[in-house]
Amino acid sequence: MEGSQILRERRGGIYSITICNPSKNNALTPSILKSLHDEFDYIKEQEDILVVIIRGFGQKAFCSGFDIEMLPQLAAEMTGPDPDNNVFQRAINCLDKLPQVTIAMINGIAFGGGCEIAASCDIRIASENATFAMTASKMGVLYSPSGIKKFIDLIGLSHTNELFYTALPIDAKRALNIGLVNYVVPPDQLESFTYKTAEEILKRAPLVIRGTKRIISILKENPVLSRHHLDEINNLRRLCISSMDFKEAQRAFIEKREPIFTGR
């Protein structure tokens, strides 16, 4: 099986992407990262996709980080005039900007850049055999400030210090305790639990889901909201409150049934 490969699967409004480089524990190559970027770029325009699941091929690894044989290429990009304009960061930026809900389905190791891909997702579901590590200090790589800040925002300064300074792996239970993952489940239940979570999201009002994600994104990036951001948020709220889905939710409540949302 070729190392520069991703797999795709569509189940209604759920779209899954599998990082597929099993001979190297699903390590990231430039071609895989380019494929991920292009895939995210395609997905962002698909309004009928509400949830994106990211997973690794097989049982051993979600993603082991950047392929060590490819580090010289990444180093060359990082020593250029714009260090953050590299193949990994472009893929991560595109993932961060997806309007869909993203779920990391984590089986096995999630190290380095693989751990950041998981941390970039809105929800992280791990199997009991998952392990996590930020290994940059073992590789002589100074990690990007945007990546470090992502971990500070997610798990706090103290736990970020530990992960980045020691480069030691932590197990799934510890990851749950520090907030790095949302759920830990037995390995044989990982896929079914992940898809059940995605299916619950599909039952909700699409305009509200997308609007909520946009508001969360605005709040993460802007400690102080500008008038432009406030106007955007108010417009999103008006769109939802005037939608057919809002009326459907009221009818369903009165009729004591589950609402059937259409995204309009």
C-alpha atoms as a PDB file:
ATOM      1  CA  MET A   1       0.000   0.000   0.000  1.00  0.00           C
ATOM      2  CA  GLU A   2       1.393   3.409  -0.926  1.00  0.00           C
ATOM      3  CA  GLY A   3       2.440   5.759   1.841  1.00  0.00           C
ATOM      4  CA  SER A   4       0.958   8.888   0.281  1.00  0.00           C
ATOM      5  CA  GLN A   5      -2.669   7.923   0.574  1.00  0.00           C
ATOM      6  CA  ILE A   6      -5.886   8.909   2.268  1.00  0.00           C
ATOM      7  CA  LEU A   7      -9.166   7.026   2.155  1.00  0.00           C
ATOM      8  CA  ARG A   8     -12.612   8.606   2.019  1.00  0.00           C
ATOM      9  CA  GLU A   9     -16.058   7.370   2.964  1.00  0.00           C
ATOM     10  CA  ARG A  10     -19.443   9.083   2.829  1.00  0.00           C
ATOM     11  CA  ARG A  11     -22.402   8.023   4.972  1.00  0.00           C
ATOM     12  CA  GLY A  12     -25.128  10.572   4.385  1.00  0.00           C
ATOM     13  CA  GLY A  13     -24.087  13.789   6.098  1.00  0.00           C
ATOM     14  CA  ILE A  14     -21.000  12.150   7.637  1.00  0.00           C
ATOM     15  CA  TYR A  15     -17.708  12.205   5.737  1.00  0.00           C
ATOM     16  CA  SER A  16     -14.710  10.256   7.002  1.00  0.00           C
ATOM     17  CA  ILE A  17     -11.052  10.693   6.062  1.00  0.00           C
ATOM     18  CA  THR A  18      -8.518   7.977   6.887  1.00  0.00           C
ATOM     19  CA  ILE A  19      -4.797   8.705   7.025  1.00  0.00           C
ATOM     20  CA  CYS A  20      -3.329   5.618   5.389  1.00  0.00           C
ATOM     21  CA  ASN A  21       0.401   4.993   5.778  1.00  0.00           C
ATOM     22  CA  PRO A  22       0.385   1.816   7.913  1.00  0.00           C
ATOM     23  CA  SER A  23       4.002   0.787   7.343  1.00  0.00           C
ATOM     24  CA  LYS A  24       5.023   3.987   9.193  1.00  0.00           C
ATOM     25  CA  ASN A  25       2.199   4.159  11.743  1.00  0.00           C
ATOM     26  CA  ASN A  26       0.284   6.555   9.477  1.00  0.00           C
ATOM     27  CA  ALA A  27       3.097   9.110   9.480  1.00  0.00           C
ATOM     28  CA  LEU A  28       2.511  12.338   7.581  1.00  0.00           C
ATOM     29  CA  THR A  29       4.306  12.829   4.281  1.00  0.00           C
ATOM     30  CA  PRO A  30       4.123  15.998   2.180  1.00  0.00           C
ATOM     31  CA  SER A  31       1.839  14.212  -0.279  1.00  0.00           C
ATOM     32  CA  ILE A  32      -0.521  13.069   2.497  1.00  0.00           C
ATOM     33  CA  LEU A  33      -0.614  16.592   3.904  1.00  0.00           C
ATOM     34  CA  LYS A  34      -1.299  18.022   0.446  1.00  0.00           C
ATOM     35  CA  SER A  35      -4.119  15.488   0.027  1.00  0.00           C
ATOM     36  CA  LEU A  36      -5.549  16.398   3.435  1.00  0.00           C
ATOM     37  CA  HIS A  37      -5.432  20.100   2.561  1.00  0.00           C
ATOM     38  CA  ASP A  38      -7.200  19.502  -0.749  1.00  0.00           C
ATOM     39  CA  GLU A  39      -9.780  17.276   0.941  1.00  0.00           C
ATOM     40  CA  PHE A  40     -10.552  19.886   3.597  1.00  0.00           C
ATOM     41  CA  ASP A  41     -10.729  22.535   0.888  1.00  0.00           C
ATOM     42  CA  TYR A  42     -13.335  20.438  -0.937  1.00  0.00           C
ATOM     43  CA  ILE A  43     -15.366  19.574   2.166  1.00  0.00           C
ATOM     44  CA  LYS A  44     -15.754  23.174   3.322  1.00  0.00           C
ATOM     45  CA  GLU A  45     -17.963  23.906   0.298  1.00  0.00           C
ATOM     46  CA  GLN A  46     -20.254  20.888   0.827  1.00  0.00           C
ATOM     47  CA  GLU A  47     -23.289  22.139   2.730  1.00  0.00           C
ATOM     48  CA  ASP A  48     -24.824  18.657   2.897  1.00  0.00           C
ATOM     49  CA  ILE A  49     -21.871  17.402   4.970  1.00  0.00           C
ATOM     50  CA  LEU A  50     -22.352  18.257   8.638  1.00  0.00           C
ATOM     51  CA  VAL A  51     -19.748  16.036  10.358  1.00  0.00           C
ATOM     52  CA  VAL A  52     -16.192  15.088   9.352  1.00  0.00           C
ATOM     53  CA  ILE A  53     -14.447  12.149  11.029  1.00  0.00           C
ATOM     54  CA  ILE A  54     -10.645  11.880  10.872  1.00  0.00           C
ATOM     55  CA  ARG A  55      -9.073   8.520  11.656  1.00  0.00           C
ATOM     56  CA  GLY A  56      -5.969   6.441  11.054  1.00  0.00           C
ATOM     57  CA  PHE A  57      -5.747   3.204   9.111  1.00  0.00           C
ATOM     58  CA  GLY A  58      -5.567   0.006  11.191  1.00  0.00           C
ATOM     59  CA  GLN A  59      -5.396  -0.560  14.930  1.00  0.00           C
ATOM     60  CA  LYS A  60      -1.859   0.598  15.786  1.00  0.00           C
ATOM     61  CA  ALA A  61      -1.916   4.315  15.078  1.00  0.00           C
ATOM     62  CA  PHE A  62      -4.064   7.369  14.520  1.00  0.00           C
ATOM     63  CA  CYS A  63      -1.025   9.261  13.235  1.00  0.00           C
ATOM     64  CA  SER A  64       2.597   9.129  14.401  1.00  0.00           C
ATOM     65  CA  GLY A  65       3.416  12.655  13.267  1.00  0.00           C
ATOM     66  CA  PHE A  66       5.656  13.847  10.473  1.00  0.00           C
ATOM     67  CA  ASP A  67       7.613  11.160   8.625  1.00  0.00           C
ATOM     68  CA  ILE A  68      11.172  11.577   9.925  1.00  0.00           C
ATOM     69  CA  GLU A  69      12.579  10.998   6.429  1.00  0.00           C
ATOM     70  CA  MET A  70      10.633  14.038   5.250  1.00  0.00           C
ATOM     71  CA  LEU A  71      11.779  16.365   8.059  1.00  0.00           C
ATOM     72  CA  PRO A  72      14.503  17.985   5.904  1.00  0.00           C
ATOM     73  CA  GLN A  73      11.822  19.200   3.485  1.00  0.00           C
ATOM     74  CA  LEU A  74       9.783  20.645   6.353  1.00  0.00           C
ATOM     75  CA  ALA A  75      12.933  22.221   7.804  1.00  0.00           C
ATOM     76  CA  ALA A  76      13.651  23.906   4.453  1.00  0.00           C
ATOM     77  CA  GLU A  77      10.176  25.459   4.449  1.00  0.00           C
ATOM     78  CA  MET A  78      10.503  26.520   8.103  1.00  0.00           C
ATOM     79  CA  THR A  79      13.783  28.339   7.461  1.00  0.00           C
ATOM     80  CA  GLY A  80      12.239  30.363   4.626  1.00  0.00           C
ATOM     81  CA  PRO A  81      10.877  33.905   4.895  1.00  0.00           C
ATOM     82  CA  ASP A  82       7.511  32.651   6.259  1.00  0.00           C
ATOM     83  CA  PRO A  83       8.103  29.668   8.595  1.00  0.00           C
ATOM     84  CA  ASP A  84       4.384  29.102   9.179  1.00  0.00           C
ATOM     85  CA  ASN A  85       3.706  28.743   5.456  1.00  0.00           C
ATOM     86  CA  ASN A  86       4.635  25.064   5.308  1.00  0.00           C
ATOM     87  CA  VAL A  87       2.801  21.985   4.083  1.00  0.00           C
ATOM     88  CA  PHE A  88       1.773  20.884   7.583  1.00  0.00           C
ATOM     89  CA  GLN A  89       0.548  24.293   8.725  1.00  0.00           C
ATOM     90  CA  ARG A  90      -1.461  24.814   5.543  1.00  0.00           C
ATOM     91  CA  ALA A  91      -3.317  21.542   6.160  1.00  0.00           C
ATOM     92  CA  ILE A  92      -3.917  22.389   9.835  1.00  0.00           C
ATOM     93  CA  ASN A  93      -5.181  25.881   8.972  1.00  0.00           C
ATOM     94  CA  CYS A  94      -7.637  24.403   6.497  1.00  0.00           C
ATOM     95  CA  LEU A  95      -8.836  21.884   9.099  1.00  0.00           C
ATOM     96  CA  ASP A  96      -9.272  24.660  11.671  1.00  0.00           C
ATOM     97  CA  LYS A  97     -11.472  26.626   9.284  1.00  0.00           C
ATOM     98  CA  LEU A  98     -13.882  23.825   8.351  1.00  0.00           C
ATOM     99  CA  PRO A  99     -17.492  24.877   9.022  1.00  0.00           C
ATOM    100  CA  GLN A 100     -18.447  21.270   9.757  1.00  0.00           C
ATOM    101  CA  VAL A 101     -18.104  19.573  13.144  1.00  0.00           C
ATOM    102  CA  THR A 102     -14.862  17.562  13.172  1.00  0.00           C
ATOM    103  CA  ILE A 103     -14.332  14.399  15.204  1.00  0.00           C
ATOM    104  CA  ALA A 104     -10.984  12.673  15.744  1.00  0.00           C
ATOM    105  CA  MET A 105     -11.399   8.889  16.084  1.00  0.00           C
ATOM    106  CA  ILE A 106      -8.161   7.906  17.818  1.00  0.00           C
ATOM    107  CA  ASN A 107      -6.907   4.345  17.933  1.00  0.00           C
ATOM    108  CA  GLY A 108      -3.298   3.719  18.966  1.00  0.00           C
ATOM    109  CA  ILE A 109      -0.629   6.412  18.898  1.00  0.00           C
ATOM    110  CA  ALA A 110      -1.212  10.107  18.235  1.00  0.00           C
ATOM    111  CA  PHE A 111       2.224  11.703  18.360  1.00  0.00           C
ATOM    112  CA  GLY A 112       3.584  15.087  17.282  1.00  0.00           C
ATOM    113  CA  GLY A 113       1.687  16.499  14.334  1.00  0.00           C
ATOM    114  CA  GLY A 114      -0.780  13.634  14.659  1.00  0.00           C
ATOM    115  CA  CYS A 115      -1.593  14.794  18.177  1.00  0.00           C
ATOM    116  CA  GLU A 116      -2.119  18.324  16.867  1.00  0.00           C
ATOM    117  CA  ILE A 117      -4.485  17.049  14.159  1.00  0.00           C
ATOM    118  CA  ALA A 118      -6.514  15.395  16.924  1.00  0.00           C
ATOM    119  CA  ALA A 119      -6.368  18.542  19.064  1.00  0.00           C
ATOM    120  CA  SER A 120      -7.615  20.580  16.096  1.00  0.00           C
ATOM    121  CA  CYS A 121     -10.843  18.583  15.949  1.00  0.00           C
ATOM    122  CA  ASP A 122     -13.955  19.735  17.794  1.00  0.00           C
ATOM    123  CA  ILE A 123     -14.493  16.377  19.510  1.00  0.00           C
ATOM    124  CA  ARG A 124     -11.880  13.712  20.255  1.00  0.00           C
ATOM    125  CA  ILE A 125     -12.873  10.107  20.922  1.00  0.00           C
ATOM    126  CA  ALA A 126     -10.087   7.698  21.914  1.00  0.00           C
ATOM    127  CA  SER A 127      -9.859   3.974  22.375  1.00  0.00           C
ATOM    128  CA  GLU A 128      -8.440   2.644  25.623  1.00  0.00           C
ATOM    129  CA  ASN A 129      -5.207   1.749  23.817  1.00  0.00           C
ATOM    130  CA  ALA A 130      -4.574   5.277  22.537  1.00  0.00           C
ATOM    131  CA  THR A 131      -1.430   7.146  23.584  1.00  0.00           C
ATOM    132  CA  PHE A 132      -0.517  10.781  23.052  1.00  0.00           C
ATOM    133  CA  ALA A 133       2.776  12.667  22.931  1.00  0.00           C
ATOM    134  CA  MET A 134       4.249  15.911  21.678  1.00  0.00           C
ATOM    135  CA  THR A 135       7.723  14.817  20.608  1.00  0.00           C
ATOM    136  CA  ALA A 136       9.172  18.014  19.108  1.00  0.00           C
ATOM    137  CA  SER A 137      11.809  18.426  21.840  1.00  0.00           C
ATOM    138  CA  LYS A 138      13.102  14.889  21.104  1.00  0.00           C
ATOM    139  CA  MET A 139      13.397  15.736  17.408  1.00  0.00           C
ATOM    140  CA  GLY A 140      15.145  19.084  17.810  1.00  0.00           C
ATOM    141  CA  VAL A 141      12.137  20.928  16.356  1.00  0.00           C
ATOM    142  CA  LEU A 142      10.814  24.131  17.929  1.00  0.00           C
ATOM    143  CA  TYR A 143       7.056  23.788  17.573  1.00  0.00           C
ATOM    144  CA  SER A 144       4.940  26.533  16.032  1.00  0.00           C
ATOM    145  CA  PRO A 145       3.437  29.137  18.388  1.00  0.00           C
ATOM    146  CA  SER A 146      -0.027  28.537  16.918  1.00  0.00           C
ATOM    147  CA  GLY A 147       0.290  24.833  17.681  1.00  0.00           C
ATOM    148  CA  ILE A 148       1.501  25.416  21.245  1.00  0.00           C
ATOM    149  CA  LYS A 149      -1.303  27.919  21.856  1.00  0.00           C
ATOM    150  CA  LYS A 150      -3.841  25.343  20.647  1.00  0.00           C
ATOM    151  CA  PHE A 151      -2.740  23.011  23.437  1.00  0.00           C
ATOM    152  CA  ILE A 152      -2.706  25.802  26.040  1.00  0.00           C
ATOM    153  CA  ASP A 153      -6.288  26.665  25.099  1.00  0.00           C
ATOM    154  CA  LEU A 154      -7.325  23.004  25.188  1.00  0.00           C
ATOM    155  CA  ILE A 155      -5.573  21.545  28.258  1.00  0.00           C
ATOM    156  CA  GLY A 156      -4.094  24.551  30.067  1.00  0.00           C
ATOM    157  CA  LEU A 157      -0.570  25.843  30.536  1.00  0.00           C
ATOM    158  CA  SER A 158       0.608  23.294  33.108  1.00  0.00           C
ATOM    159  CA  HIS A 159      -0.305  20.201  31.069  1.00  0.00           C
ATOM    160  CA  THR A 160       1.036  21.830  27.892  1.00  0.00           C
ATOM    161  CA  ASN A 161       4.339  22.430  29.670  1.00  0.00           C
ATOM    162  CA  GLU A 162       4.512  18.768  30.622  1.00  0.00           C
ATOM    163  CA  LEU A 163       3.716  17.432  27.157  1.00  0.00           C
ATOM    164  CA  PHE A 164       6.151  19.694  25.330  1.00  0.00           C
ATOM    165  CA  TYR A 165       9.032  19.685  27.841  1.00  0.00           C
ATOM    166  CA  THR A 166       9.118  15.948  28.622  1.00  0.00           C
ATOM    167  CA  ALA A 167       7.955  14.597  25.226  1.00  0.00           C
ATOM    168  CA  LEU A 168       6.720  11.568  27.204  1.00  0.00           C
ATOM    169  CA  PRO A 169       3.587   9.712  26.113  1.00  0.00           C
ATOM    170  CA  ILE A 170       0.407   9.718  28.171  1.00  0.00           C
ATOM    171  CA  ASP A 171      -2.292   7.071  28.033  1.00  0.00           C
ATOM    172  CA  ALA A 172      -5.935   7.531  27.152  1.00  0.00           C
ATOM    173  CA  LYS A 173      -7.105   7.732  30.771  1.00  0.00           C
ATOM    174  CA  ARG A 174      -4.681  10.558  31.523  1.00  0.00           C
ATOM    175  CA  ALA A 175      -5.640  12.284  28.265  1.00  0.00           C
ATOM    176  CA  LEU A 176      -9.275  12.187  29.383  1.00  0.00           C
ATOM    177  CA  ASN A 177      -8.410  13.558  32.821  1.00  0.00           C
ATOM    178  CA  ILE A 178      -6.558  16.580  31.425  1.00  0.00           C
ATOM    179  CA  GLY A 179      -9.163  17.326  28.752  1.00  0.00           C
ATOM    180  CA  LEU A 180      -7.169  16.251  25.718  1.00  0.00           C
ATOM    181  CA  VAL A 181      -9.973  13.863  24.724  1.00  0.00           C
ATOM    182  CA  ASN A 182     -13.733  13.874  25.326  1.00  0.00           C
ATOM    183  CA  TYR A 183     -14.358  10.143  25.583  1.00  0.00           C
ATOM    184  CA  VAL A 184     -12.432   6.918  26.058  1.00  0.00           C
ATOM    185  CA  VAL A 185     -14.069   3.676  24.898  1.00  0.00           C
ATOM    186  CA  PRO A 186     -13.002   0.042  24.395  1.00  0.00           C
ATOM    187  CA  PRO A 187     -11.224  -0.511  21.063  1.00  0.00           C
ATOM    188  CA  ASP A 188     -14.018  -2.681  19.666  1.00  0.00           C
ATOM    189  CA  GLN A 189     -16.543   0.092  20.347  1.00  0.00           C
ATOM    190  CA  LEU A 190     -14.536   3.017  18.965  1.00  0.00           C
ATOM    191  CA  GLU A 191     -16.033   3.132  15.484  1.00  0.00           C
ATOM    192  CA  SER A 192     -19.632   2.520  16.551  1.00  0.00           C
ATOM    193  CA  PHE A 193     -19.423   5.102  19.357  1.00  0.00           C
ATOM    194  CA  THR A 194     -17.851   7.679  17.042  1.00  0.00           C
ATOM    195  CA  TYR A 195     -20.516   7.226  14.386  1.00  0.00           C
ATOM    196  CA  LYS A 196     -23.267   7.274  17.007  1.00  0.00           C
ATOM    197  CA  THR A 197     -21.936  10.637  18.198  1.00  0.00           C
ATOM    198  CA  ALA A 198     -21.852  11.918  14.617  1.00  0.00           C
ATOM    199  CA  GLU A 199     -25.401  10.687  14.015  1.00  0.00           C
ATOM    200  CA  GLU A 200     -26.618  12.573  17.098  1.00  0.00           C
ATOM    201  CA  ILE A 201     -25.164  15.762  15.622  1.00  0.00           C
ATOM    202  CA  LEU A 202     -26.945  15.041  12.328  1.00  0.00           C
ATOM    203  CA  LYS A 203     -30.264  15.112  14.199  1.00  0.00           C
ATOM    204  CA  ARG A 204     -29.716  18.728  15.246  1.00  0.00           C
ATOM    205  CA  ALA A 205     -30.535  21.879  13.314  1.00  0.00           C
ATOM    206  CA  PRO A 206     -27.788  22.350  10.676  1.00  0.00           C
ATOM    207  CA  LEU A 207     -27.983  26.145  10.731  1.00  0.00           C
ATOM    208  CA  VAL A 208     -27.504  26.121  14.499  1.00  0.00           C
ATOM    209  CA  ILE A 209     -24.595  23.664  14.339  1.00  0.00           C
ATOM    210  CA  ARG A 210     -22.760  25.701  11.699  1.00  0.00           C
ATOM    211  CA  GLY A 211     -23.612  28.970  13.437  1.00  0.00           C
ATOM    212  CA  THR A 212     -22.375  27.668  16.783  1.00  0.00           C
ATOM    213  CA  LYS A 213     -19.109  26.525  15.251  1.00  0.00           C
ATOM    214  CA  ARG A 214     -18.608  29.908  13.618  1.00  0.00           C
ATOM    215  CA  ILE A 215     -19.261  31.728  16.906  1.00  0.00           C
ATOM    216  CA  ILE A 216     -16.839  29.436  18.766  1.00  0.00           C
ATOM    217  CA  SER A 217     -14.215  30.136  16.093  1.00  0.00           C
ATOM    218  CA  ILE A 218     -14.724  33.889  16.429  1.00  0.00           C
ATOM    219  CA  LEU A 219     -14.472  33.736  20.227  1.00  0.00           C
ATOM    220  CA  LYS A 220     -11.282  31.623  20.117  1.00  0.00           C
ATOM    221  CA  GLU A 221      -9.548  33.998  17.728  1.00  0.00           C
ATOM    222  CA  ASN A 222     -10.772  37.303  19.180  1.00  0.00           C
ATOM    223  CA  PRO A 223     -10.638  37.925  22.947  1.00  0.00           C
ATOM    224  CA  VAL A 224     -12.372  41.255  22.301  1.00  0.00           C
ATOM    225  CA  LEU A 225     -15.163  41.230  19.738  1.00  0.00           C
ATOM    226  CA  SER A 226     -15.252  43.990  17.145  1.00  0.00           C
ATOM    227  CA  ARG A 227     -18.441  45.553  15.826  1.00  0.00           C
ATOM    228  CA  HIS A 228     -17.968  43.481  12.673  1.00  0.00           C
ATOM    229  CA  HIS A 229     -17.892  40.262  14.688  1.00  0.00           C
ATOM    230  CA  LEU A 230     -20.910  41.268  16.771  1.00  0.00           C
ATOM    231  CA  ASP A 231     -22.844  42.049  13.600  1.00  0.00           C
ATOM    232  CA  GLU A 232     -21.885  38.679  12.109  1.00  0.00           C
ATOM    233  CA  ILE A 233     -22.989  36.837  15.261  1.00  0.00           C
ATOM    234  CA  ASN A 234     -26.282  38.725  15.403  1.00  0.00           C
ATOM    235  CA  ASN A 235     -26.945  37.925  11.750  1.00  0.00           C
ATOM    236  CA  LEU A 236     -26.321  34.228  12.413  1.00  0.00           C
ATOM    237  CA  ARG A 237     -28.768  34.291  15.303  1.00  0.00           C
ATOM    238  CA  ARG A 238     -31.395  36.078  13.219  1.00  0.00           C
ATOM    239  CA  LEU A 239     -30.956  33.514  10.456  1.00  0.00           C
ATOM    240  CA  CYS A 240     -31.643  30.667  12.877  1.00  0.00           C
ATOM    241  CA  ILE A 241     -34.582  32.283  14.644  1.00  0.00           C
ATOM    242  CA  SER A 242     -36.293  33.062  11.329  1.00  0.00           C
ATOM    243  CA  SER A 243     -35.673  29.624   9.828  1.00  0.00           C
ATOM    244  CA  MET A 244     -38.147  26.882   9.019  1.00  0.00           C
ATOM    245  CA  ASP A 245     -36.145  24.636  11.348  1.00  0.00           C
ATOM    246  CA  PHE A 246     -36.953  26.929  14.281  1.00  0.00           C
ATOM    247  CA  LYS A 247     -40.666  26.549  13.540  1.00  0.00           C
ATOM    248  CA  GLU A 248     -40.229  22.775  13.097  1.00  0.00           C
ATOM    249  CA  ALA A 249     -38.557  22.527  16.521  1.00  0.00           C
ATOM    250  CA  GLN A 250     -41.541  24.261  18.138  1.00  0.00           C
ATOM    251  CA  ARG A 251     -44.035  21.988  16.379  1.00  0.00           C
ATOM    252  CA  ALA A 252     -42.070  18.888  17.325  1.00  0.00           C
ATOM    253  CA  PHE A 253     -41.969  19.961  20.968  1.00  0.00           C
ATOM    254  CA  ILE A 254     -45.729  20.499  21.057  1.00  0.00           C
ATOM    255  CA  GLU A 255     -46.369  17.215  19.239  1.00  0.00           C
ATOM    256  CA  LYS A 256     -43.894  15.356  21.486  1.00  0.00           C
ATOM    257  CA  ARG A 257     -41.773  13.982  18.664  1.00  0.00           C
ATOM    258  CA  GLU A 258     -38.253  14.374  17.332  1.00  0.00           C
ATOM    259  CA  PRO A 259     -37.868  17.365  14.974  1.00  0.00           C
ATOM    260  CA  ILE A 260     -37.020  16.772  11.339  1.00  0.00           C
ATOM    261  CA  PHE A 261     -34.613  19.505  10.309  1.00  0.00           C
ATOM    262  CA  THR A 262     -33.888  20.507   6.718  1.00  0.00           C
ATOM    263  CA  GLY A 263     -31.254  23.212   7.138  1.00  0.00           C
ATOM    264  CA  ARG A 264     -33.647  25.913   5.976  1.00  0.00           C
END
